[in-house]
Structures are given as structure tokens and as C-alpha cells.
């Protein structure tokens, strides 16, 4: 009994440290690779507690390995944009300016019942009241009411990374973007945020020099 208690304390400490290393995020905000890592770590942590014949080290080593892989993937996604798109994907518009995009529902394998259920959970009674519906990269569906969405900001560049879907949603193209960057005498890599409102106004925030 004492050995199980000691194992539990050690596993608790190991899991707490590893979760802090991986970052403070709620389950619903995790990307696919982060969710898989979290589930594996939880399962590995439970093994030596539920089965006293399994040595503690048999759980700790795989946990450390998974955390190391997750940290490495995070660094790769930060450094290489192509890897970030491959591993995380991009947000998709399910509802665009009040119009339900049926082809996007099919492409993302989202049913209309799921959209309606999310609407109800956000206190929206009618689909015609939704101005924008965005399926985020983590699978969460963000809904913006008409009264709130007239001036939605389309984040075209985030931390130097171009989001082409947002550029198209804003009704702009690469020529327009290049002109904006030229007018501000800035390169894309030095942009922290460039967003475009539905009314055409733009907001550009430069990265602070370190």
C-alpha cells in the first residue's frame, strides 16, 4: 500500500511538471498532437499505480520522451510555417457573412446538427442571426452574431505568418498585401498582426525589437 502511495505522489509530480512544460491550455484548446500526447501521458502515468508489478521507471521514461517530442514539435511549428500548417491546419469559414457554406461543412465533416447545437449553447436561436461561423484549427466552432460581426477583423498575418484563407475572406489578394507592406516599409516577418475589417480598415502591429 505504501509503495502505491509513493508511486502516486511521484507520478503526480512528474505529470504536473510535464503539463507545465507543455503549456497551460484547456482540453478543448489542444491541437490534435497535443491531445494525443496528453492522453498517452495520462495512460502511462496510471500504469504503475494500477499495476504494482510495473516499475515506476517504465512510465517515467516514456513520459519524458513524449514531452521532449512535443516540445520539439512546438519549436518546429514555430520555426517552419509549412510544418505548422501540416500539423495544425487553418481555420475554415462554415458561415460567411450570413451564408451557410455547405461545401465547407462537407469538407470539414461537420454536420448541420453540430452547428445548430453549438448555436444553442451560445444562445443563438436562428442560423440567420449568425454573421460568421469559423471552425478553428482546434475543432472549436466560433460563432459571431450579426450585430457583433459587421466589423470582424480578418487576421491576415499573425506573427509573420500569412493566413491566405483570411486574406481571401477579407476580399483582398497578394497584390493588395504587398502594397500594404510596402506603404508601411515593413516585411511580412516583422509584422506581429495585420488584420482587415469588413469595412476595409486595416490594423498593423509591428513586432517589437528585442
N, C-alpha and C. Protein backbone atom coordinates (compact mmCIF):
# COMPACT_ATOMS: atom_id res chain seq x y z
N UNK A 1 0.84 -1.21 0.00
CA UNK A 1 0.00 0.00 0.00
C UNK A 1 0.87 1.26 0.00
N UNK A 2 1.96 1.20 0.79
CA UNK A 2 2.86 2.34 0.88
C UNK A 2 3.53 2.62 -0.47
N UNK A 3 3.89 1.53 -1.19
CA UNK A 3 4.54 1.70 -2.49
C UNK A 3 3.61 2.37 -3.50
N UNK A 4 2.31 2.00 -3.45
CA UNK A 4 1.34 2.63 -4.34
C UNK A 4 1.20 4.11 -4.03
N UNK A 5 1.20 4.44 -2.73
CA UNK A 5 1.09 5.84 -2.31
C UNK A 5 2.29 6.65 -2.80
N UNK A 6 3.49 6.08 -2.66
CA UNK A 6 4.72 6.76 -3.10
C UNK A 6 4.72 6.93 -4.61
N UNK A 7 4.32 5.86 -5.33
CA UNK A 7 4.25 5.94 -6.80
C UNK A 7 3.27 7.03 -7.24
N UNK A 8 2.14 7.10 -6.55
CA UNK A 8 1.13 8.10 -6.90
C UNK A 8 1.68 9.52 -6.75
N UNK A 9 2.39 9.76 -5.65
CA UNK A 9 2.97 11.08 -5.42
C UNK A 9 4.01 11.42 -6.51
N UNK A 10 4.87 10.45 -6.81
CA UNK A 10 5.91 10.67 -7.82
C UNK A 10 5.30 10.93 -9.19
N UNK A 11 4.31 10.10 -9.57
CA UNK A 11 3.64 10.28 -10.87
C UNK A 11 2.92 11.62 -10.92
N UNK A 12 2.30 12.01 -9.80
CA UNK A 12 1.61 13.31 -9.74
C UNK A 12 2.59 14.45 -10.00
N UNK A 13 3.74 14.38 -9.35
CA UNK A 13 4.76 15.43 -9.53
C UNK A 13 5.27 15.45 -10.97
N UNK A 14 5.54 14.25 -11.53
CA UNK A 14 6.05 14.16 -12.90
C UNK A 14 5.03 14.72 -13.88
N UNK A 15 3.75 14.33 -13.73
CA UNK A 15 2.71 14.81 -14.63
C UNK A 15 2.49 16.31 -14.51
N UNK A 16 2.54 16.83 -13.29
CA UNK A 16 2.37 18.27 -13.08
C UNK A 16 3.47 19.05 -13.78
N UNK A 17 4.71 18.58 -13.63
CA UNK A 17 5.85 19.25 -14.27
C UNK A 17 5.74 19.17 -15.79
N UNK A 18 5.40 17.99 -16.31
CA UNK A 18 5.31 17.83 -17.77
C UNK A 18 4.19 18.68 -18.36
N UNK A 19 3.05 18.78 -17.66
CA UNK A 19 1.96 19.60 -18.16
C UNK A 19 2.35 21.08 -18.19
N UNK A 20 3.12 21.52 -17.19
CA UNK A 20 3.59 22.91 -17.18
C UNK A 20 4.57 23.16 -18.32
N UNK A 21 5.40 22.18 -18.63
CA UNK A 21 6.36 22.30 -19.74
C UNK A 21 5.61 22.41 -21.06
N UNK A 22 4.55 21.61 -21.20
CA UNK A 22 3.78 21.61 -22.44
C UNK A 22 2.91 22.85 -22.58
N UNK A 23 2.66 23.58 -21.50
CA UNK A 23 1.91 24.82 -21.58
C UNK A 23 0.54 24.71 -20.94
N UNK A 24 0.01 25.86 -20.50
CA UNK A 24 -1.29 25.92 -19.82
C UNK A 24 -2.40 26.09 -20.85
N UNK A 25 -3.05 24.99 -21.19
CA UNK A 25 -4.16 25.07 -22.14
C UNK A 25 -5.24 24.10 -21.69
N UNK A 26 -6.49 24.49 -21.92
CA UNK A 26 -7.60 23.60 -21.59
C UNK A 26 -7.73 22.52 -22.65
N UNK A 27 -8.38 21.41 -22.29
CA UNK A 27 -8.51 20.28 -23.21
C UNK A 27 -9.13 20.71 -24.53
N UNK A 28 -10.15 21.56 -24.49
CA UNK A 28 -10.83 21.98 -25.71
C UNK A 28 -9.97 22.85 -26.61
N UNK A 29 -8.84 23.36 -26.09
CA UNK A 29 -7.97 24.23 -26.87
C UNK A 29 -6.76 23.48 -27.44
N UNK A 30 -6.63 22.20 -27.12
CA UNK A 30 -5.46 21.44 -27.56
C UNK A 30 -5.55 21.09 -29.04
N UNK A 31 -4.39 21.15 -29.72
CA UNK A 31 -4.31 20.66 -31.08
C UNK A 31 -4.29 19.13 -31.04
N UNK A 32 -4.42 18.49 -32.21
CA UNK A 32 -4.53 17.03 -32.27
C UNK A 32 -3.31 16.36 -31.65
N UNK A 33 -2.10 16.83 -32.00
CA UNK A 33 -0.89 16.20 -31.46
C UNK A 33 -0.76 16.41 -29.96
N UNK A 34 -1.20 17.58 -29.47
CA UNK A 34 -1.15 17.86 -28.04
C UNK A 34 -2.14 16.98 -27.27
N UNK A 35 -3.31 16.78 -27.85
CA UNK A 35 -4.32 15.94 -27.21
C UNK A 35 -3.85 14.49 -27.12
N UNK A 36 -3.25 13.98 -28.21
CA UNK A 36 -2.72 12.61 -28.22
C UNK A 36 -1.64 12.46 -27.16
N UNK A 37 -0.74 13.44 -27.08
CA UNK A 37 0.33 13.39 -26.09
C UNK A 37 -0.23 13.39 -24.68
N UNK A 38 -1.24 14.23 -24.43
CA UNK A 38 -1.85 14.31 -23.10
C UNK A 38 -2.50 12.99 -22.71
N UNK A 39 -3.21 12.37 -23.64
CA UNK A 39 -3.87 11.09 -23.36
C UNK A 39 -2.85 9.99 -23.09
N UNK A 40 -1.78 9.97 -23.89
CA UNK A 40 -0.73 8.95 -23.70
C UNK A 40 -0.05 9.13 -22.35
N UNK A 41 0.27 10.38 -22.00
CA UNK A 41 0.93 10.65 -20.73
C UNK A 41 0.04 10.23 -19.56
N UNK A 42 -1.26 10.50 -19.66
CA UNK A 42 -2.20 10.11 -18.60
C UNK A 42 -2.25 8.60 -18.44
N UNK A 43 -2.28 7.90 -19.59
CA UNK A 43 -2.33 6.44 -19.55
C UNK A 43 -1.05 5.86 -18.97
N UNK A 44 0.08 6.40 -19.39
CA UNK A 44 1.38 5.91 -18.88
C UNK A 44 1.51 6.17 -17.38
N UNK A 45 1.00 7.32 -16.93
CA UNK A 45 1.07 7.64 -15.51
C UNK A 45 0.24 6.72 -14.65
N UNK A 46 -0.86 6.21 -15.21
CA UNK A 46 -1.75 5.34 -14.44
C UNK A 46 -1.24 3.89 -14.34
N UNK A 47 -0.39 3.49 -15.29
CA UNK A 47 0.04 2.09 -15.34
C UNK A 47 0.73 1.60 -14.07
N UNK A 48 1.79 2.26 -13.59
CA UNK A 48 2.47 1.74 -12.39
C UNK A 48 1.65 1.87 -11.12
N UNK A 49 0.61 2.71 -11.14
CA UNK A 49 -0.24 2.86 -9.96
C UNK A 49 -1.26 1.73 -9.91
N UNK A 50 -1.85 1.40 -11.06
CA UNK A 50 -2.87 0.35 -11.11
C UNK A 50 -2.25 -1.05 -11.06
N UNK A 51 -1.02 -1.18 -11.52
CA UNK A 51 -0.35 -2.48 -11.52
C UNK A 51 0.99 -2.34 -10.80
N UNK A 52 1.07 -2.82 -9.58
CA UNK A 52 2.27 -2.65 -8.75
C UNK A 52 3.48 -3.39 -9.29
N UNK A 53 3.26 -4.35 -10.23
CA UNK A 53 4.39 -5.10 -10.78
C UNK A 53 5.15 -4.30 -11.84
N UNK A 54 4.57 -3.20 -12.30
CA UNK A 54 5.23 -2.38 -13.33
C UNK A 54 6.15 -1.37 -12.65
N UNK A 55 7.43 -1.39 -12.95
CA UNK A 55 8.37 -0.44 -12.34
C UNK A 55 8.03 1.00 -12.70
N UNK A 56 8.28 1.89 -11.78
CA UNK A 56 7.97 3.30 -11.98
C UNK A 56 8.71 3.89 -13.17
N UNK A 57 9.93 3.43 -13.36
CA UNK A 57 10.76 3.96 -14.45
C UNK A 57 10.16 3.65 -15.82
N UNK A 58 9.38 2.57 -15.90
CA UNK A 58 8.74 2.20 -17.17
C UNK A 58 7.69 3.21 -17.61
N UNK A 59 7.23 4.02 -16.69
CA UNK A 59 6.29 5.08 -17.03
C UNK A 59 6.99 6.41 -17.21
N UNK A 60 7.98 6.68 -16.35
CA UNK A 60 8.64 7.98 -16.37
C UNK A 60 9.43 8.22 -17.66
N UNK A 61 10.16 7.20 -18.12
CA UNK A 61 10.97 7.37 -19.34
C UNK A 61 10.10 7.68 -20.57
N UNK A 62 9.03 6.89 -20.83
CA UNK A 62 8.17 7.25 -21.98
C UNK A 62 7.52 8.63 -21.84
N UNK A 63 7.17 9.03 -20.61
CA UNK A 63 6.56 10.34 -20.40
C UNK A 63 7.55 11.44 -20.78
N UNK A 64 8.79 11.30 -20.33
CA UNK A 64 9.83 12.28 -20.66
C UNK A 64 10.05 12.33 -22.16
N UNK A 65 10.03 11.16 -22.80
CA UNK A 65 10.23 11.10 -24.25
C UNK A 65 9.10 11.83 -24.99
N UNK A 66 7.85 11.59 -24.58
CA UNK A 66 6.70 12.23 -25.23
C UNK A 66 6.76 13.74 -25.07
N UNK A 67 7.11 14.19 -23.85
CA UNK A 67 7.22 15.63 -23.61
C UNK A 67 8.32 16.24 -24.48
N UNK A 68 9.44 15.53 -24.60
CA UNK A 68 10.54 16.02 -25.43
C UNK A 68 10.12 16.14 -26.89
N UNK A 69 9.35 15.14 -27.38
CA UNK A 69 8.85 15.18 -28.75
C UNK A 69 7.89 16.35 -28.94
N UNK A 70 7.00 16.56 -27.95
CA UNK A 70 6.02 17.64 -28.03
C UNK A 70 6.70 19.01 -28.04
N UNK A 71 7.72 19.17 -27.20
CA UNK A 71 8.46 20.44 -27.17
C UNK A 71 9.19 20.66 -28.49
N UNK A 72 9.76 19.57 -29.05
CA UNK A 72 10.45 19.66 -30.33
C UNK A 72 9.49 20.04 -31.45
N UNK A 73 8.30 19.43 -31.45
CA UNK A 73 7.29 19.75 -32.46
C UNK A 73 6.85 21.21 -32.34
N UNK A 74 6.71 21.68 -31.11
CA UNK A 74 6.32 23.07 -30.90
C UNK A 74 7.36 24.02 -31.48
N UNK A 75 8.64 23.69 -31.28
CA UNK A 75 9.72 24.51 -31.83
C UNK A 75 9.72 24.47 -33.35
N UNK A 76 9.46 23.27 -33.91
CA UNK A 76 9.43 23.11 -35.37
C UNK A 76 8.28 23.92 -35.96
N UNK A 77 7.11 23.88 -35.31
CA UNK A 77 5.95 24.63 -35.81
C UNK A 77 6.19 26.14 -35.76
N UNK A 78 6.96 26.56 -34.77
CA UNK A 78 7.26 27.99 -34.64
C UNK A 78 8.25 28.44 -35.72
N UNK A 79 9.20 27.56 -36.05
CA UNK A 79 10.26 27.93 -36.99
C UNK A 79 9.86 27.73 -38.44
N UNK A 80 9.13 26.65 -38.73
CA UNK A 80 8.76 26.33 -40.11
C UNK A 80 7.25 26.41 -40.28
N UNK A 81 6.80 27.38 -41.07
CA UNK A 81 5.37 27.61 -41.25
C UNK A 81 4.68 26.43 -41.93
N UNK A 82 5.40 25.78 -42.88
CA UNK A 82 4.80 24.65 -43.58
C UNK A 82 4.45 23.53 -42.60
N UNK A 83 5.33 23.30 -41.64
CA UNK A 83 5.08 22.27 -40.63
C UNK A 83 3.89 22.65 -39.75
N UNK A 84 3.77 23.93 -39.45
CA UNK A 84 2.64 24.40 -38.63
C UNK A 84 1.32 24.16 -39.34
N UNK A 85 1.27 24.47 -40.64
CA UNK A 85 0.04 24.24 -41.41
C UNK A 85 -0.27 22.75 -41.49
N UNK A 86 0.78 21.93 -41.66
CA UNK A 86 0.58 20.49 -41.79
C UNK A 86 0.06 19.88 -40.49
N UNK A 87 0.61 20.31 -39.36
CA UNK A 87 0.26 19.71 -38.08
C UNK A 87 -1.00 20.31 -37.46
N UNK A 88 -1.26 21.60 -37.72
CA UNK A 88 -2.39 22.27 -37.07
C UNK A 88 -3.55 22.57 -38.01
N UNK A 89 -3.25 22.81 -39.29
CA UNK A 89 -4.29 23.20 -40.21
C UNK A 89 -4.63 24.67 -40.05
N UNK A 90 -5.70 25.13 -40.71
CA UNK A 90 -6.11 26.52 -40.65
C UNK A 90 -7.60 26.61 -40.33
N UNK A 91 -8.01 27.74 -39.77
CA UNK A 91 -9.45 27.92 -39.54
C UNK A 91 -10.22 27.91 -40.85
N UNK A 92 -11.47 27.45 -40.80
CA UNK A 92 -12.31 27.41 -42.01
C UNK A 92 -13.63 28.11 -41.72
N UNK A 93 -14.12 28.85 -42.71
CA UNK A 93 -15.41 29.52 -42.57
C UNK A 93 -16.53 28.54 -42.91
N UNK A 94 -17.40 28.29 -41.93
CA UNK A 94 -18.58 27.46 -42.13
C UNK A 94 -19.77 28.35 -42.53
N UNK A 95 -19.81 29.52 -41.92
CA UNK A 95 -20.81 30.53 -42.26
C UNK A 95 -20.06 31.82 -42.58
N UNK A 96 -20.33 32.39 -43.75
CA UNK A 96 -19.60 33.58 -44.18
C UNK A 96 -20.59 34.69 -44.54
N UNK A 97 -20.56 35.77 -43.75
CA UNK A 97 -21.47 36.90 -43.94
C UNK A 97 -22.92 36.46 -44.05
N UNK A 98 -23.30 35.57 -43.13
CA UNK A 98 -24.68 35.12 -43.03
C UNK A 98 -25.05 33.96 -43.93
N UNK A 99 -24.12 33.52 -44.79
CA UNK A 99 -24.43 32.43 -45.72
C UNK A 99 -23.77 31.13 -45.25
N UNK A 100 -24.57 30.08 -45.16
CA UNK A 100 -24.06 28.77 -44.78
C UNK A 100 -23.31 28.15 -45.96
N UNK A 101 -22.03 27.83 -45.77
CA UNK A 101 -21.21 27.25 -46.84
C UNK A 101 -21.27 25.73 -46.75
N UNK A 102 -22.17 25.13 -47.51
CA UNK A 102 -22.41 23.69 -47.43
C UNK A 102 -21.19 22.88 -47.85
N UNK A 103 -20.44 23.38 -48.84
CA UNK A 103 -19.25 22.64 -49.28
C UNK A 103 -18.19 22.60 -48.18
N UNK A 104 -18.12 23.66 -47.36
CA UNK A 104 -17.16 23.67 -46.26
C UNK A 104 -17.61 22.75 -45.13
N UNK A 105 -18.91 22.64 -44.94
CA UNK A 105 -19.42 21.67 -43.96
C UNK A 105 -19.00 20.26 -44.34
N UNK A 106 -19.16 19.92 -45.62
CA UNK A 106 -18.81 18.59 -46.10
C UNK A 106 -17.30 18.36 -46.03
N UNK A 107 -16.54 19.37 -46.44
CA UNK A 107 -15.07 19.22 -46.47
C UNK A 107 -14.50 19.00 -45.07
N UNK A 108 -15.08 19.66 -44.09
CA UNK A 108 -14.60 19.54 -42.71
C UNK A 108 -15.34 18.48 -41.90
N UNK A 109 -16.28 17.77 -42.58
CA UNK A 109 -17.04 16.71 -41.95
C UNK A 109 -17.77 17.21 -40.69
N UNK A 110 -18.43 18.34 -40.85
CA UNK A 110 -19.23 18.93 -39.78
C UNK A 110 -20.69 18.85 -40.19
N UNK A 111 -21.53 18.31 -39.32
CA UNK A 111 -22.95 18.19 -39.65
C UNK A 111 -23.68 19.47 -39.25
N UNK A 112 -24.81 19.69 -39.90
CA UNK A 112 -25.62 20.86 -39.57
C UNK A 112 -26.13 20.77 -38.13
N UNK A 113 -26.38 19.55 -37.66
CA UNK A 113 -26.82 19.36 -36.28
C UNK A 113 -25.78 19.87 -35.29
N UNK A 114 -24.49 19.66 -35.61
CA UNK A 114 -23.42 20.15 -34.74
C UNK A 114 -23.41 21.67 -34.69
N UNK A 115 -23.62 22.29 -35.86
CA UNK A 115 -23.66 23.75 -35.93
C UNK A 115 -24.83 24.28 -35.10
N UNK A 116 -26.00 23.66 -35.26
CA UNK A 116 -27.19 24.09 -34.53
C UNK A 116 -27.02 23.91 -33.02
N UNK A 117 -26.38 22.79 -32.64
CA UNK A 117 -26.14 22.54 -31.22
C UNK A 117 -25.21 23.59 -30.62
N UNK A 118 -24.18 23.97 -31.38
CA UNK A 118 -23.25 25.00 -30.90
C UNK A 118 -23.94 26.35 -30.83
N UNK A 119 -24.83 26.61 -31.78
CA UNK A 119 -25.60 27.85 -31.74
C UNK A 119 -26.43 27.94 -30.46
N UNK A 120 -27.11 26.84 -30.14
CA UNK A 120 -27.94 26.83 -28.94
C UNK A 120 -27.10 27.05 -27.68
N UNK A 121 -25.90 26.44 -27.66
CA UNK A 121 -25.03 26.58 -26.49
C UNK A 121 -24.53 28.01 -26.33
N UNK A 122 -24.50 28.77 -27.44
CA UNK A 122 -24.05 30.16 -27.39
C UNK A 122 -25.22 31.14 -27.36
N UNK A 123 -26.44 30.61 -27.19
CA UNK A 123 -27.61 31.45 -27.06
C UNK A 123 -28.09 32.07 -28.35
N UNK A 124 -27.83 31.40 -29.48
CA UNK A 124 -28.27 31.88 -30.79
C UNK A 124 -29.40 30.97 -31.27
N UNK A 125 -30.57 31.56 -31.52
CA UNK A 125 -31.74 30.75 -31.83
C UNK A 125 -31.93 30.44 -33.30
N UNK A 126 -31.43 31.31 -34.18
CA UNK A 126 -31.68 31.16 -35.61
C UNK A 126 -30.38 31.28 -36.39
N UNK A 127 -30.20 30.42 -37.36
CA UNK A 127 -28.96 30.44 -38.13
C UNK A 127 -28.80 31.73 -38.93
N UNK A 128 -29.91 32.40 -39.24
CA UNK A 128 -29.83 33.67 -39.97
C UNK A 128 -29.27 34.79 -39.09
N UNK A 129 -29.20 34.55 -37.77
CA UNK A 129 -28.62 35.54 -36.86
C UNK A 129 -27.10 35.45 -36.81
N UNK A 130 -26.54 34.41 -37.43
CA UNK A 130 -25.08 34.22 -37.41
C UNK A 130 -24.47 34.92 -38.62
N UNK A 131 -23.51 35.81 -38.35
CA UNK A 131 -22.84 36.52 -39.43
C UNK A 131 -21.60 35.76 -39.90
N UNK A 132 -20.84 35.25 -38.94
CA UNK A 132 -19.67 34.42 -39.25
C UNK A 132 -19.68 33.18 -38.37
N UNK A 133 -19.33 32.05 -38.96
CA UNK A 133 -19.10 30.82 -38.22
C UNK A 133 -17.76 30.27 -38.64
N UNK A 134 -16.81 30.22 -37.69
CA UNK A 134 -15.44 29.81 -38.01
C UNK A 134 -15.10 28.54 -37.27
N UNK A 135 -14.70 27.51 -38.02
CA UNK A 135 -14.21 26.28 -37.42
C UNK A 135 -12.72 26.46 -37.17
N UNK A 136 -12.36 26.61 -35.89
CA UNK A 136 -10.96 26.87 -35.54
C UNK A 136 -10.10 25.63 -35.77
N UNK A 137 -8.79 25.85 -35.77
CA UNK A 137 -7.85 24.75 -36.02
C UNK A 137 -7.96 23.66 -34.96
N UNK A 138 -8.39 24.02 -33.74
CA UNK A 138 -8.50 23.02 -32.68
C UNK A 138 -9.87 22.33 -32.66
N UNK A 139 -10.72 22.62 -33.68
CA UNK A 139 -12.02 21.96 -33.78
C UNK A 139 -13.17 22.73 -33.15
N UNK A 140 -12.87 23.81 -32.45
CA UNK A 140 -13.93 24.61 -31.81
C UNK A 140 -14.62 25.46 -32.87
N UNK A 141 -15.94 25.57 -32.75
CA UNK A 141 -16.72 26.38 -33.68
C UNK A 141 -17.04 27.72 -33.03
N UNK A 142 -16.49 28.80 -33.61
CA UNK A 142 -16.73 30.15 -33.10
C UNK A 142 -17.83 30.80 -33.94
N UNK A 143 -18.86 31.30 -33.27
CA UNK A 143 -19.99 31.92 -33.96
C UNK A 143 -20.09 33.39 -33.56
N UNK A 144 -20.27 34.25 -34.55
CA UNK A 144 -20.38 35.68 -34.31
C UNK A 144 -21.72 36.16 -34.83
N UNK A 145 -22.50 36.79 -33.95
CA UNK A 145 -23.82 37.27 -34.33
C UNK A 145 -23.72 38.45 -35.29
N UNK A 146 -24.79 38.67 -36.03
CA UNK A 146 -24.82 39.77 -37.00
C UNK A 146 -24.54 41.11 -36.32
N UNK A 147 -25.12 41.33 -35.18
CA UNK A 147 -24.94 42.62 -34.50
C UNK A 147 -23.51 42.83 -34.06
N UNK A 148 -22.73 41.71 -33.94
CA UNK A 148 -21.36 41.81 -33.47
C UNK A 148 -20.35 41.68 -34.60
N UNK A 149 -20.80 41.19 -35.76
CA UNK A 149 -19.83 40.80 -36.77
C UNK A 149 -19.64 41.73 -37.94
N UNK A 150 -20.32 42.89 -37.93
CA UNK A 150 -20.22 43.76 -39.09
C UNK A 150 -18.80 44.26 -39.34
N UNK A 151 -18.02 44.37 -38.28
CA UNK A 151 -16.65 44.84 -38.43
C UNK A 151 -15.66 43.79 -37.94
N UNK A 152 -15.86 42.57 -38.34
CA UNK A 152 -14.96 41.49 -37.95
C UNK A 152 -13.57 41.73 -38.51
N UNK A 153 -12.56 41.52 -37.67
CA UNK A 153 -11.19 41.67 -38.14
C UNK A 153 -10.65 40.35 -38.66
N UNK A 154 -10.26 40.33 -39.92
CA UNK A 154 -9.66 39.14 -40.52
C UNK A 154 -8.15 39.19 -40.30
N UNK A 155 -7.63 38.27 -39.51
CA UNK A 155 -6.20 38.26 -39.18
C UNK A 155 -5.42 37.69 -40.36
N UNK A 156 -4.93 38.55 -41.22
CA UNK A 156 -4.25 38.14 -42.44
C UNK A 156 -2.82 37.67 -42.14
N UNK A 157 -2.14 38.39 -41.25
CA UNK A 157 -0.79 37.99 -40.84
C UNK A 157 -0.75 37.92 -39.32
N UNK A 158 -0.29 36.79 -38.81
CA UNK A 158 -0.12 36.61 -37.37
C UNK A 158 1.31 36.17 -37.11
N UNK A 159 2.05 37.01 -36.40
CA UNK A 159 3.44 36.71 -36.05
C UNK A 159 4.26 36.33 -37.29
N UNK A 160 4.09 37.12 -38.34
CA UNK A 160 4.85 36.92 -39.57
C UNK A 160 4.32 35.84 -40.49
N UNK A 161 3.27 35.16 -40.07
CA UNK A 161 2.72 34.06 -40.86
C UNK A 161 1.48 34.49 -41.62
N UNK A 162 1.48 34.26 -42.93
CA UNK A 162 0.35 34.63 -43.77
C UNK A 162 -0.75 33.60 -43.69
N UNK A 163 -1.99 34.08 -43.49
CA UNK A 163 -3.15 33.21 -43.48
C UNK A 163 -3.98 33.53 -44.73
N UNK A 164 -3.78 32.73 -45.76
CA UNK A 164 -4.40 33.01 -47.05
C UNK A 164 -5.92 32.94 -47.00
N UNK A 165 -6.46 32.06 -46.18
CA UNK A 165 -7.92 31.95 -46.07
C UNK A 165 -8.51 33.25 -45.53
N UNK A 166 -7.83 33.88 -44.58
CA UNK A 166 -8.30 35.14 -44.03
C UNK A 166 -8.15 36.27 -45.04
N UNK A 167 -7.08 36.20 -45.84
CA UNK A 167 -6.87 37.20 -46.88
C UNK A 167 -8.01 37.16 -47.90
N UNK A 168 -8.38 35.94 -48.29
CA UNK A 168 -9.49 35.78 -49.24
C UNK A 168 -10.81 36.20 -48.62
N UNK A 169 -11.00 35.86 -47.33
CA UNK A 169 -12.24 36.21 -46.64
C UNK A 169 -12.41 37.72 -46.54
N UNK A 170 -11.29 38.43 -46.48
CA UNK A 170 -11.34 39.89 -46.40
C UNK A 170 -11.55 40.52 -47.78
N UNK A 171 -11.56 39.67 -48.82
CA UNK A 171 -11.76 40.18 -50.17
C UNK A 171 -10.51 40.83 -50.75
N UNK A 172 -9.34 40.44 -50.24
CA UNK A 172 -8.08 41.01 -50.70
C UNK A 172 -7.23 39.94 -51.38
N UNK A 173 -6.18 40.40 -52.08
CA UNK A 173 -5.26 39.46 -52.73
C UNK A 173 -3.82 39.81 -52.38
N UNK A 174 -2.88 39.05 -52.94
CA UNK A 174 -1.47 39.23 -52.61
C UNK A 174 -0.95 40.59 -53.07
N UNK A 175 -1.45 41.09 -54.19
CA UNK A 175 -1.01 42.41 -54.66
C UNK A 175 -1.37 43.48 -53.64
N UNK A 176 -2.58 43.40 -53.11
CA UNK A 176 -3.01 44.35 -52.09
C UNK A 176 -2.12 44.25 -50.86
N UNK A 177 -1.81 43.01 -50.44
CA UNK A 177 -0.98 42.80 -49.26
C UNK A 177 0.42 43.37 -49.46
N UNK A 178 1.01 43.09 -50.61
CA UNK A 178 2.35 43.60 -50.90
C UNK A 178 2.36 45.12 -50.89
N UNK A 179 1.30 45.73 -51.38
CA UNK A 179 1.19 47.19 -51.38
C UNK A 179 1.13 47.73 -49.96
N UNK A 180 0.35 47.05 -49.09
CA UNK A 180 0.24 47.47 -47.70
C UNK A 180 1.58 47.40 -46.99
N UNK A 181 2.31 46.32 -47.21
CA UNK A 181 3.61 46.15 -46.58
C UNK A 181 4.60 47.21 -47.07
N UNK A 182 4.52 47.49 -48.36
CA UNK A 182 5.41 48.49 -48.95
C UNK A 182 5.12 49.88 -48.40
N UNK A 183 3.83 50.20 -48.23
CA UNK A 183 3.46 51.51 -47.70
C UNK A 183 3.95 51.70 -46.27
N UNK A 184 4.01 50.61 -45.52
CA UNK A 184 4.49 50.69 -44.14
C UNK A 184 5.98 50.42 -44.03
N UNK A 185 6.63 50.19 -45.18
CA UNK A 185 8.08 49.92 -45.21
C UNK A 185 8.44 48.79 -44.25
N UNK A 186 7.75 47.68 -44.40
CA UNK A 186 7.95 46.55 -43.50
C UNK A 186 7.83 45.24 -44.27
N UNK A 187 8.56 44.23 -43.81
CA UNK A 187 8.45 42.90 -44.41
C UNK A 187 7.46 42.08 -43.59
N UNK A 188 6.97 41.02 -44.20
CA UNK A 188 5.98 40.18 -43.52
C UNK A 188 6.52 39.61 -42.20
N UNK A 189 7.80 39.23 -42.18
CA UNK A 189 8.38 38.62 -40.98
C UNK A 189 8.41 39.56 -39.79
N UNK A 190 8.33 40.87 -40.04
CA UNK A 190 8.37 41.85 -38.95
C UNK A 190 6.99 42.32 -38.52
N UNK A 191 5.94 41.66 -39.05
CA UNK A 191 4.57 42.01 -38.67
C UNK A 191 4.08 41.07 -37.57
N UNK A 192 3.64 41.65 -36.46
CA UNK A 192 3.05 40.84 -35.39
C UNK A 192 1.60 40.51 -35.74
N UNK A 193 0.86 41.53 -36.20
CA UNK A 193 -0.53 41.32 -36.57
C UNK A 193 -0.94 42.32 -37.65
N UNK A 194 -1.55 41.80 -38.71
CA UNK A 194 -2.17 42.63 -39.73
C UNK A 194 -3.58 42.10 -39.92
N UNK A 195 -4.56 42.91 -39.53
CA UNK A 195 -5.95 42.49 -39.66
C UNK A 195 -6.70 43.48 -40.53
N UNK A 196 -7.72 42.96 -41.23
CA UNK A 196 -8.53 43.77 -42.13
C UNK A 196 -9.99 43.66 -41.69
N UNK A 197 -10.61 44.81 -41.45
CA UNK A 197 -12.02 44.83 -41.08
C UNK A 197 -12.89 44.72 -42.32
N UNK A 198 -14.14 44.34 -42.11
CA UNK A 198 -15.07 44.21 -43.24
C UNK A 198 -15.29 45.55 -43.95
N UNK A 199 -15.11 46.65 -43.22
CA UNK A 199 -15.30 47.96 -43.86
C UNK A 199 -14.07 48.43 -44.62
N UNK A 200 -13.02 47.59 -44.64
CA UNK A 200 -11.81 47.91 -45.40
C UNK A 200 -10.68 48.49 -44.58
N UNK A 201 -10.97 48.90 -43.34
CA UNK A 201 -9.92 49.45 -42.49
C UNK A 201 -8.91 48.36 -42.12
N UNK A 202 -7.66 48.77 -41.98
CA UNK A 202 -6.61 47.81 -41.62
C UNK A 202 -5.95 48.22 -40.31
N UNK A 203 -5.47 47.22 -39.61
CA UNK A 203 -4.71 47.45 -38.38
C UNK A 203 -3.42 46.68 -38.48
N UNK A 204 -2.29 47.36 -38.34
CA UNK A 204 -0.99 46.72 -38.44
C UNK A 204 -0.19 46.97 -37.16
N UNK A 205 0.25 45.90 -36.55
CA UNK A 205 1.08 46.00 -35.36
C UNK A 205 2.44 45.37 -35.67
N UNK A 206 3.49 46.17 -35.53
CA UNK A 206 4.84 45.69 -35.81
C UNK A 206 5.40 44.93 -34.62
N UNK A 207 6.29 44.01 -34.90
CA UNK A 207 6.98 43.31 -33.81
C UNK A 207 7.92 44.27 -33.11
N UNK A 208 7.98 44.16 -31.80
CA UNK A 208 8.92 44.98 -31.04
C UNK A 208 10.32 44.43 -31.18
N UNK A 209 11.28 45.33 -31.31
CA UNK A 209 12.67 44.90 -31.43
C UNK A 209 13.16 44.39 -30.09
N UNK A 210 13.86 43.25 -30.15
CA UNK A 210 14.37 42.65 -28.90
C UNK A 210 15.81 43.09 -28.66
